[in-house]
């Protein structure tokens, strides 16, 4: 059984930018009374104070638009804090919503072996440079960290297979490559000189 109804509440808000269609409902004291839902009110608490109140159902397309708007209008730090706040809300309230994810929902892109091989080659190159003394320990770690981040998020070379493997209805890549747990990739360490993995 799917529940699509949202229990409406009336909420008096001060110091917010009302959503479209509510500009004429701003009261003399600057507050606005919105008919919304508890979930939408909680969602908006994670957004910056000067971001317009989002009073609609937020699906993948809408969250993509919100993220793009945040990235264009706010500094990187503010955008990251907002996205972390939204992520924390998801973890906090997701367990109460009854939504589940099965391992069958996670799809591996067909190009996974090639992707991992490319990043393993990059890690081997970094290790070779370190063994030759061309880079310091810190530079080696930074290079390895960047390689791992790129492998997870596809910063430089994320193909459509990576972007869409677990989001079959997302065709324009607005959300970027989802960060996922990959049991085959998470345990790969970068070898130190002598062949011992980092601990």
N, C-alpha and C. Protein backbone atom coordinates (compact mmCIF):
# COMPACT_ATOMS: atom_id res chain seq x y z
N UNK A 1 0.85 -1.19 0.00
CA UNK A 1 0.00 0.00 0.00
C UNK A 1 0.89 1.24 0.00
N UNK A 2 0.62 2.16 -0.86
CA UNK A 2 1.39 3.39 -0.95
C UNK A 2 0.55 4.55 -0.45
N UNK A 3 1.14 5.29 0.45
CA UNK A 3 0.45 6.46 1.00
C UNK A 3 0.96 7.70 0.27
N UNK A 4 0.10 8.37 -0.45
CA UNK A 4 0.51 9.55 -1.20
C UNK A 4 0.01 10.84 -0.59
N UNK A 5 -0.85 10.74 0.41
CA UNK A 5 -1.38 11.97 0.99
C UNK A 5 -0.42 12.51 2.04
N UNK A 6 -0.39 13.82 2.14
CA UNK A 6 0.43 14.50 3.12
C UNK A 6 -0.52 15.25 4.04
N UNK A 7 -0.36 15.06 5.33
CA UNK A 7 -1.23 15.76 6.26
C UNK A 7 -0.86 17.23 6.28
N UNK A 8 -1.80 18.10 5.90
CA UNK A 8 -1.48 19.52 5.86
C UNK A 8 -1.51 20.13 7.26
N UNK A 9 -0.63 21.10 7.45
CA UNK A 9 -0.63 21.90 8.68
C UNK A 9 -0.52 23.35 8.27
N UNK A 10 -0.99 24.23 9.14
CA UNK A 10 -0.80 25.66 8.91
C UNK A 10 0.33 26.08 9.82
N UNK A 11 1.31 26.77 9.24
CA UNK A 11 2.52 27.12 9.95
C UNK A 11 2.80 28.61 9.76
N UNK A 12 2.98 29.31 10.86
CA UNK A 12 3.31 30.74 10.80
C UNK A 12 4.82 30.86 10.86
N UNK A 13 5.40 31.45 9.83
CA UNK A 13 6.85 31.58 9.73
C UNK A 13 7.24 33.05 9.66
N UNK A 14 8.33 33.37 10.32
CA UNK A 14 8.88 34.73 10.26
C UNK A 14 10.27 34.66 9.66
N UNK A 15 10.63 35.68 8.92
CA UNK A 15 11.98 35.79 8.38
C UNK A 15 12.29 34.78 7.28
N UNK A 16 11.29 34.34 6.56
CA UNK A 16 11.51 33.43 5.45
C UNK A 16 11.07 34.09 4.16
N UNK A 17 11.64 33.63 3.08
CA UNK A 17 11.19 34.07 1.77
C UNK A 17 10.08 33.11 1.37
N UNK A 18 8.85 33.62 1.22
CA UNK A 18 7.74 32.71 0.92
C UNK A 18 7.88 32.09 -0.47
N UNK A 19 7.28 30.93 -0.66
CA UNK A 19 7.33 30.32 -1.99
C UNK A 19 6.49 31.12 -2.99
N UNK A 20 6.68 30.80 -4.24
CA UNK A 20 5.91 31.47 -5.29
C UNK A 20 4.42 31.32 -5.02
N UNK A 21 3.68 32.39 -5.18
CA UNK A 21 2.24 32.36 -4.96
C UNK A 21 1.84 32.78 -3.55
N UNK A 22 2.79 33.00 -2.69
CA UNK A 22 2.48 33.39 -1.31
C UNK A 22 2.93 34.82 -1.00
N UNK A 23 3.48 35.52 -1.98
CA UNK A 23 3.99 36.88 -1.73
C UNK A 23 2.87 37.80 -1.25
N UNK A 24 1.65 37.60 -1.73
CA UNK A 24 0.55 38.46 -1.32
C UNK A 24 -0.02 38.08 0.04
N UNK A 25 0.46 36.98 0.61
CA UNK A 25 -0.04 36.53 1.90
C UNK A 25 0.89 36.89 3.06
N UNK A 26 1.92 37.70 2.77
CA UNK A 26 2.82 38.15 3.83
C UNK A 26 2.07 39.16 4.68
N UNK A 27 2.10 38.94 5.99
CA UNK A 27 1.36 39.80 6.92
C UNK A 27 2.15 41.06 7.23
N UNK A 28 1.51 42.00 7.89
CA UNK A 28 2.13 43.29 8.20
C UNK A 28 3.38 43.13 9.05
N UNK A 29 3.42 42.12 9.93
CA UNK A 29 4.59 41.92 10.78
C UNK A 29 5.71 41.16 10.07
N UNK A 30 5.53 40.84 8.78
CA UNK A 30 6.55 40.15 8.00
C UNK A 30 6.42 38.64 8.03
N UNK A 31 5.50 38.13 8.82
CA UNK A 31 5.32 36.68 8.87
C UNK A 31 4.37 36.25 7.76
N UNK A 32 4.36 34.97 7.51
CA UNK A 32 3.48 34.38 6.51
C UNK A 32 2.92 33.08 7.08
N UNK A 33 1.66 32.82 6.80
CA UNK A 33 1.04 31.56 7.22
C UNK A 33 0.96 30.68 5.99
N UNK A 34 1.64 29.54 6.07
CA UNK A 34 1.69 28.61 4.95
C UNK A 34 0.91 27.35 5.28
N UNK A 35 0.23 26.82 4.31
CA UNK A 35 -0.32 25.48 4.44
C UNK A 35 0.73 24.56 3.85
N UNK A 36 1.33 23.75 4.69
CA UNK A 36 2.46 22.92 4.30
C UNK A 36 2.36 21.59 5.03
N UNK A 37 3.45 20.91 5.20
CA UNK A 37 3.48 19.66 5.96
C UNK A 37 4.68 19.69 6.90
N UNK A 38 4.67 18.82 7.88
CA UNK A 38 5.78 18.76 8.83
C UNK A 38 7.08 18.41 8.12
N UNK A 39 7.02 17.47 7.20
CA UNK A 39 8.22 17.07 6.46
C UNK A 39 8.82 18.21 5.67
N UNK A 40 7.97 19.01 5.05
CA UNK A 40 8.46 20.16 4.28
C UNK A 40 9.06 21.21 5.19
N UNK A 41 8.47 21.41 6.35
CA UNK A 41 9.01 22.37 7.31
C UNK A 41 10.40 21.92 7.78
N UNK A 42 10.54 20.62 8.08
CA UNK A 42 11.84 20.09 8.50
C UNK A 42 12.86 20.19 7.37
N UNK A 43 12.44 19.90 6.15
CA UNK A 43 13.33 20.00 4.99
C UNK A 43 13.86 21.42 4.85
N UNK A 44 12.99 22.40 4.99
CA UNK A 44 13.39 23.80 4.82
C UNK A 44 14.31 24.29 5.92
N UNK A 45 14.29 23.66 7.10
CA UNK A 45 15.21 24.05 8.16
C UNK A 45 16.66 23.80 7.77
N UNK A 46 16.90 22.84 6.89
CA UNK A 46 18.26 22.53 6.46
C UNK A 46 18.76 23.51 5.39
N UNK A 47 17.84 24.23 4.75
CA UNK A 47 18.22 25.17 3.70
C UNK A 47 18.68 26.50 4.30
N UNK A 48 19.50 27.27 3.58
CA UNK A 48 19.91 28.59 4.10
C UNK A 48 18.70 29.48 4.40
N UNK A 49 18.86 30.38 5.36
CA UNK A 49 17.76 31.22 5.82
C UNK A 49 17.17 32.08 4.69
N UNK A 50 18.01 32.50 3.74
CA UNK A 50 17.52 33.36 2.67
C UNK A 50 17.14 32.58 1.40
N UNK A 51 17.01 31.26 1.52
CA UNK A 51 16.56 30.43 0.40
C UNK A 51 15.03 30.39 0.43
N UNK A 52 14.37 30.56 -0.71
CA UNK A 52 12.90 30.54 -0.70
C UNK A 52 12.36 29.22 -0.13
N UNK A 53 11.29 29.34 0.64
CA UNK A 53 10.67 28.17 1.26
C UNK A 53 10.20 27.22 0.17
N UNK A 54 10.58 25.96 0.27
CA UNK A 54 10.19 24.94 -0.71
C UNK A 54 8.93 24.28 -0.19
N UNK A 55 7.80 24.54 -0.86
CA UNK A 55 6.51 24.02 -0.40
C UNK A 55 5.91 23.10 -1.45
N UNK A 56 6.71 22.15 -1.92
CA UNK A 56 6.26 21.18 -2.90
C UNK A 56 6.93 19.85 -2.61
N UNK A 57 6.40 18.80 -3.22
CA UNK A 57 7.03 17.50 -3.09
C UNK A 57 8.40 17.57 -3.74
N UNK A 58 9.41 17.06 -3.06
CA UNK A 58 10.78 17.13 -3.57
C UNK A 58 11.21 15.72 -3.97
N UNK A 59 11.28 15.51 -5.28
CA UNK A 59 11.78 14.25 -5.83
C UNK A 59 13.18 14.46 -6.37
N UNK A 60 13.64 13.53 -7.18
CA UNK A 60 15.00 13.61 -7.73
C UNK A 60 15.21 14.86 -8.57
N UNK A 61 14.23 15.17 -9.41
CA UNK A 61 14.36 16.33 -10.29
C UNK A 61 14.42 17.62 -9.46
N UNK A 62 13.54 17.74 -8.46
CA UNK A 62 13.50 18.96 -7.65
C UNK A 62 14.76 19.09 -6.80
N UNK A 63 15.25 17.98 -6.23
CA UNK A 63 16.46 18.08 -5.42
C UNK A 63 17.65 18.46 -6.30
N UNK A 64 17.65 17.99 -7.54
CA UNK A 64 18.70 18.39 -8.48
C UNK A 64 18.66 19.89 -8.75
N UNK A 65 17.45 20.43 -8.93
CA UNK A 65 17.30 21.87 -9.16
C UNK A 65 17.74 22.66 -7.92
N UNK A 66 17.38 22.16 -6.74
CA UNK A 66 17.77 22.84 -5.50
C UNK A 66 19.28 22.84 -5.35
N UNK A 67 19.92 21.70 -5.61
CA UNK A 67 21.38 21.61 -5.49
C UNK A 67 22.04 22.55 -6.48
N UNK A 68 21.55 22.59 -7.72
CA UNK A 68 22.12 23.51 -8.71
C UNK A 68 21.95 24.96 -8.26
N UNK A 69 20.79 25.30 -7.73
CA UNK A 69 20.54 26.66 -7.25
C UNK A 69 21.48 27.00 -6.10
N UNK A 70 21.67 26.07 -5.18
CA UNK A 70 22.60 26.29 -4.06
C UNK A 70 24.01 26.54 -4.58
N UNK A 71 24.44 25.72 -5.52
CA UNK A 71 25.80 25.84 -6.05
C UNK A 71 26.01 27.17 -6.77
N UNK A 72 24.97 27.69 -7.42
CA UNK A 72 25.10 28.95 -8.14
C UNK A 72 25.03 30.16 -7.22
N UNK A 73 24.21 30.09 -6.17
CA UNK A 73 23.93 31.27 -5.34
C UNK A 73 24.78 31.37 -4.08
N UNK A 74 25.34 30.27 -3.61
CA UNK A 74 26.01 30.27 -2.32
C UNK A 74 27.45 29.81 -2.46
N UNK A 75 28.24 30.13 -1.44
CA UNK A 75 29.64 29.70 -1.44
C UNK A 75 29.71 28.18 -1.32
N UNK A 76 30.86 27.64 -1.63
CA UNK A 76 31.05 26.19 -1.55
C UNK A 76 30.81 25.70 -0.12
N UNK A 77 31.29 26.43 0.85
CA UNK A 77 31.13 26.03 2.25
C UNK A 77 29.66 25.99 2.63
N UNK A 78 28.90 27.02 2.27
CA UNK A 78 27.47 27.05 2.58
C UNK A 78 26.72 25.92 1.87
N UNK A 79 27.10 25.67 0.63
CA UNK A 79 26.46 24.60 -0.13
C UNK A 79 26.73 23.25 0.52
N UNK A 80 27.97 23.01 0.90
CA UNK A 80 28.33 21.73 1.54
C UNK A 80 27.61 21.57 2.87
N UNK A 81 27.56 22.64 3.67
CA UNK A 81 26.84 22.57 4.95
C UNK A 81 25.36 22.24 4.73
N UNK A 82 24.77 22.86 3.74
CA UNK A 82 23.36 22.60 3.45
C UNK A 82 23.15 21.16 3.01
N UNK A 83 24.00 20.67 2.12
CA UNK A 83 23.86 19.29 1.66
C UNK A 83 24.10 18.30 2.79
N UNK A 84 25.05 18.61 3.68
CA UNK A 84 25.26 17.75 4.86
C UNK A 84 24.02 17.75 5.75
N UNK A 85 23.39 18.92 5.91
CA UNK A 85 22.17 19.01 6.71
C UNK A 85 21.04 18.19 6.11
N UNK A 86 20.91 18.25 4.78
CA UNK A 86 19.88 17.46 4.11
C UNK A 86 20.17 15.97 4.24
N UNK A 87 21.45 15.60 4.11
CA UNK A 87 21.83 14.20 4.27
C UNK A 87 21.51 13.72 5.69
N UNK A 88 21.85 14.54 6.69
CA UNK A 88 21.56 14.17 8.08
C UNK A 88 20.06 14.01 8.32
N UNK A 89 19.26 14.90 7.72
CA UNK A 89 17.81 14.74 7.83
C UNK A 89 17.35 13.42 7.23
N UNK A 90 17.93 13.07 6.10
CA UNK A 90 17.58 11.80 5.47
C UNK A 90 17.88 10.61 6.35
N UNK A 91 19.06 10.63 7.00
CA UNK A 91 19.40 9.53 7.89
C UNK A 91 18.51 9.53 9.13
N UNK A 92 18.23 10.71 9.65
CA UNK A 92 17.42 10.80 10.87
C UNK A 92 15.99 10.33 10.62
N UNK A 93 15.37 10.79 9.54
CA UNK A 93 13.97 10.52 9.30
C UNK A 93 13.73 9.34 8.38
N UNK A 94 14.74 8.93 7.63
CA UNK A 94 14.57 7.81 6.71
C UNK A 94 14.19 6.52 7.40
N UNK A 95 14.75 6.29 8.58
CA UNK A 95 14.43 5.05 9.30
C UNK A 95 13.00 5.06 9.83
N UNK A 96 12.40 6.22 9.92
CA UNK A 96 11.02 6.31 10.41
C UNK A 96 9.99 6.27 9.29
N UNK A 97 10.44 6.39 8.06
CA UNK A 97 9.50 6.49 6.95
C UNK A 97 9.05 5.14 6.43
N UNK A 98 9.77 4.09 6.73
CA UNK A 98 9.41 2.78 6.22
C UNK A 98 9.99 2.49 4.85
N UNK A 99 10.85 3.36 4.33
CA UNK A 99 11.49 3.15 3.05
C UNK A 99 12.68 2.21 3.25
N UNK A 100 12.81 1.22 2.39
CA UNK A 100 13.92 0.30 2.48
C UNK A 100 14.67 0.24 1.16
N UNK A 101 15.92 -0.18 1.23
CA UNK A 101 16.74 -0.38 0.04
C UNK A 101 17.30 -1.79 0.12
N UNK A 102 17.15 -2.52 -0.93
CA UNK A 102 17.64 -3.89 -1.00
C UNK A 102 18.94 -3.92 -1.80
N UNK A 103 19.76 -4.92 -1.55
CA UNK A 103 20.98 -5.06 -2.34
C UNK A 103 20.64 -5.27 -3.81
N UNK A 104 19.45 -5.80 -4.08
CA UNK A 104 19.01 -5.98 -5.46
C UNK A 104 18.76 -4.64 -6.16
N UNK A 105 18.56 -3.57 -5.37
CA UNK A 105 18.35 -2.24 -5.94
C UNK A 105 19.65 -1.62 -6.46
N UNK A 106 20.79 -2.12 -5.99
CA UNK A 106 22.09 -1.56 -6.35
C UNK A 106 22.59 -2.30 -7.59
N UNK A 107 22.85 -1.55 -8.63
CA UNK A 107 23.32 -2.13 -9.88
C UNK A 107 24.78 -1.77 -10.09
N UNK A 108 25.56 -2.72 -10.53
CA UNK A 108 26.97 -2.49 -10.82
C UNK A 108 27.10 -2.09 -12.29
N UNK A 109 27.79 -0.98 -12.56
CA UNK A 109 27.94 -0.60 -13.97
C UNK A 109 28.75 -1.66 -14.72
N UNK A 110 28.41 -1.93 -15.96
CA UNK A 110 29.13 -2.95 -16.73
C UNK A 110 30.61 -2.64 -16.89
N UNK A 111 30.97 -1.36 -16.84
CA UNK A 111 32.36 -0.96 -17.03
C UNK A 111 33.16 -0.93 -15.74
N UNK A 112 32.66 -1.53 -14.66
CA UNK A 112 33.34 -1.48 -13.37
C UNK A 112 34.78 -1.98 -13.43
N UNK A 113 35.07 -3.13 -14.05
CA UNK A 113 36.47 -3.59 -14.07
C UNK A 113 37.43 -2.58 -14.71
N UNK A 114 36.98 -1.95 -15.80
CA UNK A 114 37.83 -0.96 -16.47
C UNK A 114 38.04 0.28 -15.60
N UNK A 115 36.97 0.69 -14.93
CA UNK A 115 37.05 1.86 -14.05
C UNK A 115 38.04 1.60 -12.93
N UNK A 116 37.91 0.45 -12.27
CA UNK A 116 38.82 0.12 -11.16
C UNK A 116 40.25 -0.04 -11.65
N UNK A 117 40.43 -0.64 -12.82
CA UNK A 117 41.77 -0.82 -13.37
C UNK A 117 42.43 0.53 -13.62
N UNK A 118 41.67 1.49 -14.12
CA UNK A 118 42.24 2.82 -14.38
C UNK A 118 42.70 3.49 -13.10
N UNK A 119 41.90 3.38 -12.03
CA UNK A 119 42.29 4.02 -10.77
C UNK A 119 43.37 3.23 -10.05
N UNK A 120 43.41 1.92 -10.23
CA UNK A 120 44.51 1.14 -9.67
C UNK A 120 45.82 1.51 -10.37
N UNK A 121 45.75 1.75 -11.68
CA UNK A 121 46.94 2.17 -12.42
C UNK A 121 47.42 3.53 -11.93
N UNK A 122 46.46 4.43 -11.67
CA UNK A 122 46.82 5.75 -11.14
C UNK A 122 47.49 5.61 -9.77
N UNK A 123 46.96 4.74 -8.92
CA UNK A 123 47.54 4.52 -7.60
C UNK A 123 48.94 3.92 -7.72
N UNK A 124 49.13 2.99 -8.66
CA UNK A 124 50.45 2.38 -8.87
C UNK A 124 51.45 3.43 -9.35
N UNK A 125 51.01 4.34 -10.19
CA UNK A 125 51.90 5.40 -10.67
C UNK A 125 52.33 6.31 -9.51
N UNK A 126 51.38 6.63 -8.64
CA UNK A 126 51.70 7.46 -7.47
C UNK A 126 52.71 6.74 -6.58
N UNK A 127 52.51 5.43 -6.38
CA UNK A 127 53.44 4.66 -5.56
C UNK A 127 54.82 4.60 -6.19
N UNK A 128 54.88 4.46 -7.50
CA UNK A 128 56.17 4.43 -8.20
C UNK A 128 56.90 5.75 -8.01
N UNK A 129 56.18 6.86 -8.15
CA UNK A 129 56.79 8.18 -7.93
C UNK A 129 57.31 8.31 -6.51
N UNK A 130 56.57 7.78 -5.56
CA UNK A 130 56.99 7.84 -4.16
C UNK A 130 58.25 7.00 -3.93
N UNK A 131 58.26 5.79 -4.50
CA UNK A 131 59.42 4.90 -4.34
C UNK A 131 60.67 5.50 -4.96
N UNK A 132 60.54 6.27 -6.02
CA UNK A 132 61.67 6.93 -6.66
C UNK A 132 62.10 8.20 -5.92
N UNK A 133 61.29 8.62 -4.99
CA UNK A 133 61.61 9.84 -4.24
C UNK A 133 61.13 11.11 -4.93
N UNK A 134 60.30 10.98 -5.95
CA UNK A 134 59.82 12.15 -6.69
C UNK A 134 58.73 12.90 -5.94
N UNK A 135 58.02 12.23 -5.04
CA UNK A 135 56.98 12.88 -4.25
C UNK A 135 57.18 12.51 -2.79
N UNK A 136 56.74 13.41 -1.91
CA UNK A 136 56.84 13.16 -0.47
C UNK A 136 55.70 12.25 -0.02
N UNK A 137 55.78 11.80 1.23
CA UNK A 137 54.72 10.96 1.80
C UNK A 137 53.38 11.70 1.76
N UNK A 138 53.38 12.99 2.13
CA UNK A 138 52.14 13.77 2.12
C UNK A 138 51.58 13.90 0.71
N UNK A 139 52.45 14.16 -0.27
CA UNK A 139 51.99 14.27 -1.65
C UNK A 139 51.44 12.93 -2.15
N UNK A 140 52.07 11.84 -1.74
CA UNK A 140 51.60 10.52 -2.13
C UNK A 140 50.21 10.27 -1.54
N UNK A 141 50.04 10.60 -0.27
CA UNK A 141 48.73 10.41 0.37
C UNK A 141 47.66 11.28 -0.29
N UNK A 142 48.03 12.54 -0.59
CA UNK A 142 47.06 13.43 -1.24
C UNK A 142 46.67 12.89 -2.61
N UNK A 143 47.63 12.39 -3.36
CA UNK A 143 47.35 11.81 -4.66
C UNK A 143 46.46 10.58 -4.54
N UNK A 144 46.74 9.74 -3.55
CA UNK A 144 45.92 8.54 -3.34
C UNK A 144 44.52 8.92 -2.91
N UNK A 145 44.41 9.92 -2.03
CA UNK A 145 43.08 10.38 -1.59
C UNK A 145 42.28 10.90 -2.76
N UNK A 146 42.93 11.68 -3.63
CA UNK A 146 42.22 12.20 -4.80
C UNK A 146 41.79 11.06 -5.72
N UNK A 147 42.63 10.05 -5.87
CA UNK A 147 42.26 8.91 -6.72
C UNK A 147 41.05 8.18 -6.15
N UNK A 148 41.02 8.01 -4.83
CA UNK A 148 39.89 7.34 -4.20
C UNK A 148 38.63 8.19 -4.36
N UNK A 149 38.74 9.51 -4.12
CA UNK A 149 37.58 10.38 -4.28
C UNK A 149 37.06 10.34 -5.71
N UNK A 150 37.96 10.34 -6.67
CA UNK A 150 37.53 10.29 -8.06
C UNK A 150 36.88 8.96 -8.39
N UNK A 151 37.41 7.88 -7.79
CA UNK A 151 36.82 6.58 -8.06
C UNK A 151 35.39 6.54 -7.52
N UNK A 152 35.16 7.17 -6.36
CA UNK A 152 33.81 7.16 -5.79
C UNK A 152 32.88 8.11 -6.53
N UNK A 153 33.35 9.29 -6.88
CA UNK A 153 32.46 10.31 -7.43
C UNK A 153 32.66 10.56 -8.91
N UNK A 154 33.71 10.03 -9.50
CA UNK A 154 33.90 10.21 -10.93
C UNK A 154 34.16 11.64 -11.30
N UNK A 155 35.02 12.36 -10.54
CA UNK A 155 35.25 13.78 -10.79
C UNK A 155 35.82 14.01 -12.18
N UNK A 156 36.72 13.14 -12.62
CA UNK A 156 37.29 13.35 -13.95
C UNK A 156 37.15 12.07 -14.77
N UNK A 157 36.07 11.95 -15.45
CA UNK A 157 35.92 10.80 -16.31
C UNK A 157 34.77 9.90 -15.90
N UNK A 158 33.84 10.41 -15.14
CA UNK A 158 32.67 9.64 -14.77
C UNK A 158 31.82 9.47 -16.02
N UNK A 159 31.64 8.23 -16.42
CA UNK A 159 30.86 8.02 -17.63
C UNK A 159 29.39 7.85 -17.29
N UNK A 160 28.58 7.80 -18.32
CA UNK A 160 27.14 7.71 -18.10
C UNK A 160 26.76 6.43 -17.38
N UNK A 161 27.53 5.36 -17.58
CA UNK A 161 27.26 4.11 -16.89
C UNK A 161 27.38 4.28 -15.38
N UNK A 162 28.38 5.02 -14.94
CA UNK A 162 28.53 5.27 -13.51
C UNK A 162 27.39 6.14 -13.00
N UNK A 163 27.06 7.18 -13.76
CA UNK A 163 26.04 8.10 -13.30
C UNK A 163 24.67 7.44 -13.20
N UNK A 164 24.37 6.58 -14.14
CA UNK A 164 23.01 6.08 -14.23
C UNK A 164 22.82 4.66 -13.70
N UNK A 165 23.88 4.01 -13.26
CA UNK A 165 23.77 2.60 -12.87
C UNK A 165 22.72 2.40 -11.79
N UNK A 166 22.63 3.31 -10.85
CA UNK A 166 21.69 3.14 -9.75
C UNK A 166 20.58 4.17 -9.76
N UNK A 167 20.45 4.91 -10.86
CA UNK A 167 19.38 5.88 -10.99
C UNK A 167 18.84 5.79 -12.40
N UNK A 168 18.10 4.73 -12.73
CA UNK A 168 17.68 4.54 -14.11
C UNK A 168 16.77 5.62 -14.65
N UNK A 169 16.10 6.39 -13.77
CA UNK A 169 15.22 7.44 -14.27
C UNK A 169 15.89 8.81 -14.30
N UNK A 170 17.18 8.89 -13.96
CA UNK A 170 17.91 10.15 -14.01
C UNK A 170 18.73 10.16 -15.29
N UNK A 171 18.37 11.00 -16.22
CA UNK A 171 19.02 10.99 -17.52
C UNK A 171 19.91 12.20 -17.78
N UNK A 172 19.80 13.25 -16.95
CA UNK A 172 20.59 14.44 -17.24
C UNK A 172 21.74 14.63 -16.27
N UNK A 173 21.95 13.70 -15.33
CA UNK A 173 23.10 13.76 -14.45
C UNK A 173 23.10 14.93 -13.49
N UNK A 174 21.96 15.49 -13.14
CA UNK A 174 21.93 16.67 -12.29
C UNK A 174 22.53 16.42 -10.92
N UNK A 175 22.33 15.23 -10.39
CA UNK A 175 22.81 14.97 -9.04
C UNK A 175 24.25 14.51 -9.00
N UNK A 176 24.85 14.23 -10.13
CA UNK A 176 26.20 13.75 -10.14
C UNK A 176 26.24 12.26 -9.82
N UNK A 177 27.41 11.75 -9.68
CA UNK A 177 27.59 10.33 -9.43
C UNK A 177 27.33 10.05 -7.96
N UNK A 178 26.38 9.16 -7.65
CA UNK A 178 26.07 8.91 -6.25
C UNK A 178 27.22 8.21 -5.56
N UNK A 179 27.50 8.61 -4.33
CA UNK A 179 28.54 7.97 -3.55
C UNK A 179 27.93 6.71 -2.95
N UNK A 180 28.50 5.57 -3.27
CA UNK A 180 27.92 4.32 -2.85
C UNK A 180 29.00 3.45 -2.23
N UNK A 181 28.55 2.54 -1.40
CA UNK A 181 29.47 1.56 -0.84
C UNK A 181 29.69 0.48 -1.88
N UNK A 182 30.90 0.24 -2.23
CA UNK A 182 31.26 -0.79 -3.18
C UNK A 182 32.17 -1.76 -2.46
N UNK A 183 31.68 -2.94 -2.07
CA UNK A 183 32.49 -3.85 -1.28
C UNK A 183 33.77 -4.27 -1.99
N UNK A 184 33.77 -4.26 -3.32
CA UNK A 184 34.99 -4.64 -4.04
C UNK A 184 36.03 -3.53 -4.04
N UNK A 185 35.60 -2.27 -3.91
CA UNK A 185 36.53 -1.15 -4.01
C UNK A 185 36.94 -0.60 -2.66
N UNK A 186 36.10 -0.76 -1.63
CA UNK A 186 36.36 -0.07 -0.37
C UNK A 186 37.57 -0.61 0.37
N UNK A 187 37.94 -1.87 0.13
CA UNK A 187 39.05 -2.45 0.86
C UNK A 187 40.38 -2.34 0.12
N UNK A 188 40.36 -1.71 -1.01
CA UNK A 188 41.60 -1.58 -1.78
C UNK A 188 42.46 -0.51 -1.12
N UNK A 189 43.62 -0.90 -0.65
CA UNK A 189 44.54 0.06 -0.06
C UNK A 189 45.58 0.44 -1.09
N UNK A 190 46.35 1.43 -0.78
CA UNK A 190 47.45 1.82 -1.65
C UNK A 190 48.72 1.32 -0.98
N UNK A 191 49.48 0.55 -1.72
CA UNK A 191 50.63 -0.12 -1.12
C UNK A 191 51.72 0.87 -0.76
N UNK A 192 52.33 0.62 0.38
CA UNK A 192 53.51 1.35 0.77
C UNK A 192 54.71 0.68 0.13
N UNK A 193 55.86 1.37 0.12
CA UNK A 193 57.07 0.67 -0.38
C UNK A 193 57.25 -0.62 0.42
N UNK A 194 57.54 -1.71 -0.24
CA UNK A 194 57.68 -2.98 0.43
C UNK A 194 56.41 -3.82 0.29
N UNK A 195 55.35 -3.27 -0.33
CA UNK A 195 54.15 -4.03 -0.62
C UNK A 195 53.15 -4.13 0.50
N UNK A 196 53.36 -3.44 1.62
CA UNK A 196 52.41 -3.51 2.72
C UNK A 196 51.30 -2.47 2.51
N UNK A 197 50.03 -2.87 2.64
CA UNK A 197 48.95 -1.90 2.48
C UNK A 197 48.94 -0.90 3.63
N UNK A 198 48.45 0.29 3.32
CA UNK A 198 48.32 1.29 4.38
C UNK A 198 47.31 0.83 5.39
N UNK A 199 47.50 1.21 6.65
CA UNK A 199 46.57 0.81 7.69
C UNK A 199 45.85 1.90 8.20
